[in-house]
Amino acid sequence: MNALMSNFDLDSADIHRSSSKWEGLSEIDQAIRENRLMEYRIKKSWADPWGRKLTLTALAVIVAGFSFLVGASFGLW
């Protein structure tokens, strides 16, 4: 393989690999941290009575809207 690549290409590939070695792990760490934060916010919002009522009301409106559209597409009204 050394016959096909110059030494410069091999050295630059090694330097690039060593400098970006931890970038993937930091991105995974950030994603885990954000996921935990989102889970915490959802649990905290669900524990709040007003947040629970607002969530259930919004879901009921969305379901009612989709059921109306499905019924209209089948010609029920």
C-alpha atoms as a PDB file:
ATOM      1  CA  MET A   1       0.000   0.000   0.000  1.00  0.00           C
ATOM      2  CA  ASN A   2       2.942   2.327   0.559  1.00  0.00           C
ATOM      3  CA  ALA A   3       3.787   2.035  -3.120  1.00  0.00           C
ATOM      4  CA  LEU A   4       0.445   3.561  -4.042  1.00  0.00           C
ATOM      5  CA  MET A   5       0.389   6.330  -1.460  1.00  0.00           C
ATOM      6  CA  SER A   6       3.039   8.859  -0.691  1.00  0.00           C
ATOM      7  CA  ASN A   7       4.306   9.188   2.850  1.00  0.00           C
ATOM      8  CA  PHE A   8       2.702  12.626   3.044  1.00  0.00           C
ATOM      9  CA  ASP A   9      -0.745  11.085   2.530  1.00  0.00           C
ATOM     10  CA  LEU A  10      -0.193   8.505   5.260  1.00  0.00           C
ATOM     11  CA  ASP A  11       1.059  11.086   7.753  1.00  0.00           C
ATOM     12  CA  SER A  12      -1.830  13.468   7.138  1.00  0.00           C
ATOM     13  CA  ALA A  13      -4.335  10.623   7.555  1.00  0.00           C
ATOM     14  CA  ASP A  14      -2.805   9.668  10.910  1.00  0.00           C
ATOM     15  CA  ILE A  15      -2.861  13.261  12.132  1.00  0.00           C
ATOM     16  CA  HIS A  16      -6.484  13.684  11.052  1.00  0.00           C
ATOM     17  CA  ARG A  17      -7.521  10.469  12.817  1.00  0.00           C
ATOM     18  CA  SER A  18      -5.804  11.388  16.079  1.00  0.00           C
ATOM     19  CA  SER A  19      -7.249  14.913  16.171  1.00  0.00           C
ATOM     20  CA  SER A  20     -10.811  13.775  15.526  1.00  0.00           C
ATOM     21  CA  LYS A  21     -10.589  10.752  17.811  1.00  0.00           C
ATOM     22  CA  TRP A  22     -12.765  12.264  20.564  1.00  0.00           C
ATOM     23  CA  GLU A  23     -15.189  14.314  18.434  1.00  0.00           C
ATOM     24  CA  GLY A  24     -17.615  11.425  18.019  1.00  0.00           C
ATOM     25  CA  LEU A  25     -17.644  10.686  21.723  1.00  0.00           C
ATOM     26  CA  SER A  26     -18.349  14.312  22.595  1.00  0.00           C
ATOM     27  CA  GLU A  27     -21.286  14.333  20.173  1.00  0.00           C
ATOM     28  CA  ILE A  28     -22.675  11.168  21.756  1.00  0.00           C
ATOM     29  CA  ASP A  29     -22.207  12.690  25.205  1.00  0.00           C
ATOM     30  CA  GLN A  30     -24.077  15.805  24.119  1.00  0.00           C
ATOM     31  CA  ALA A  31     -26.930  13.732  22.669  1.00  0.00           C
ATOM     32  CA  ILE A  32     -27.229  11.708  25.868  1.00  0.00           C
ATOM     33  CA  ARG A  33     -27.247  14.886  27.913  1.00  0.00           C
ATOM     34  CA  GLU A  34     -29.959  16.455  25.742  1.00  0.00           C
ATOM     35  CA  ASN A  35     -32.065  13.302  25.822  1.00  0.00           C
ATOM     36  CA  ARG A  36     -31.956  13.222  29.610  1.00  0.00           C
ATOM     37  CA  LEU A  37     -32.835  16.887  29.764  1.00  0.00           C
ATOM     38  CA  MET A  38     -35.794  16.361  27.430  1.00  0.00           C
ATOM     39  CA  GLU A  39     -36.983  13.384  29.468  1.00  0.00           C
ATOM     40  CA  TYR A  40     -36.750  15.480  32.642  1.00  0.00           C
ATOM     41  CA  ARG A  41     -38.746  18.292  31.062  1.00  0.00           C
ATOM     42  CA  ILE A  42     -41.461  15.920  29.860  1.00  0.00           C
ATOM     43  CA  LYS A  43     -41.768  14.293  33.286  1.00  0.00           C
ATOM     44  CA  LYS A  44     -41.830  17.672  35.020  1.00  0.00           C
ATOM     45  CA  SER A  45     -44.479  18.997  32.622  1.00  0.00           C
ATOM     46  CA  TRP A  46     -46.615  15.883  33.057  1.00  0.00           C
ATOM     47  CA  ALA A  47     -46.420  16.236  36.862  1.00  0.00           C
ATOM     48  CA  ASP A  48     -47.805  19.774  36.611  1.00  0.00           C
ATOM     49  CA  PRO A  49     -51.652  19.700  36.534  1.00  0.00           C
ATOM     50  CA  TRP A  50     -51.905  22.579  34.054  1.00  0.00           C
ATOM     51  CA  GLY A  51     -49.269  21.053  31.799  1.00  0.00           C
ATOM     52  CA  ARG A  52     -51.105  17.721  31.808  1.00  0.00           C
ATOM     53  CA  LYS A  53     -54.430  19.403  30.975  1.00  0.00           C
ATOM     54  CA  LEU A  54     -52.839  21.402  28.171  1.00  0.00           C
ATOM     55  CA  THR A  55     -51.166  18.304  26.731  1.00  0.00           C
ATOM     56  CA  LEU A  56     -54.363  16.243  26.823  1.00  0.00           C
ATOM     57  CA  THR A  57     -56.381  19.095  25.309  1.00  0.00           C
ATOM     58  CA  ALA A  58     -53.896  19.562  22.472  1.00  0.00           C
ATOM     59  CA  LEU A  59     -53.872  15.813  21.753  1.00  0.00           C
ATOM     60  CA  ALA A  60     -57.708  15.731  21.792  1.00  0.00           C
ATOM     61  CA  VAL A  61     -57.874  18.609  19.287  1.00  0.00           C
ATOM     62  CA  ILE A  62     -55.354  16.900  16.999  1.00  0.00           C
ATOM     63  CA  VAL A  63     -57.216  13.576  17.155  1.00  0.00           C
ATOM     64  CA  ALA A  64     -60.543  15.334  16.510  1.00  0.00           C
ATOM     65  CA  GLY A  65     -59.072  17.143  13.504  1.00  0.00           C
ATOM     66  CA  PHE A  66     -57.654  13.964  11.990  1.00  0.00           C
ATOM     67  CA  SER A  67     -60.877  12.034  12.616  1.00  0.00           C
ATOM     68  CA  PHE A  68     -62.842  14.809  10.891  1.00  0.00           C
ATOM     69  CA  LEU A  69     -60.490  14.656   7.894  1.00  0.00           C
ATOM     70  CA  VAL A  70     -60.709  10.859   7.720  1.00  0.00           C
ATOM     71  CA  GLY A  71     -64.506  11.003   7.940  1.00  0.00           C
ATOM     72  CA  ALA A  72     -64.670  13.679   5.244  1.00  0.00           C
ATOM     73  CA  SER A  73     -62.421  11.654   2.949  1.00  0.00           C
ATOM     74  CA  PHE A  74     -64.751   8.642   3.284  1.00  0.00           C
ATOM     75  CA  GLY A  75     -67.784  10.844   2.612  1.00  0.00           C
ATOM     76  CA  LEU A  76     -69.389  10.500   6.025  1.00  0.00           C
ATOM     77  CA  TRP A  77     -70.241  14.219   6.150  1.00  0.00           C
END
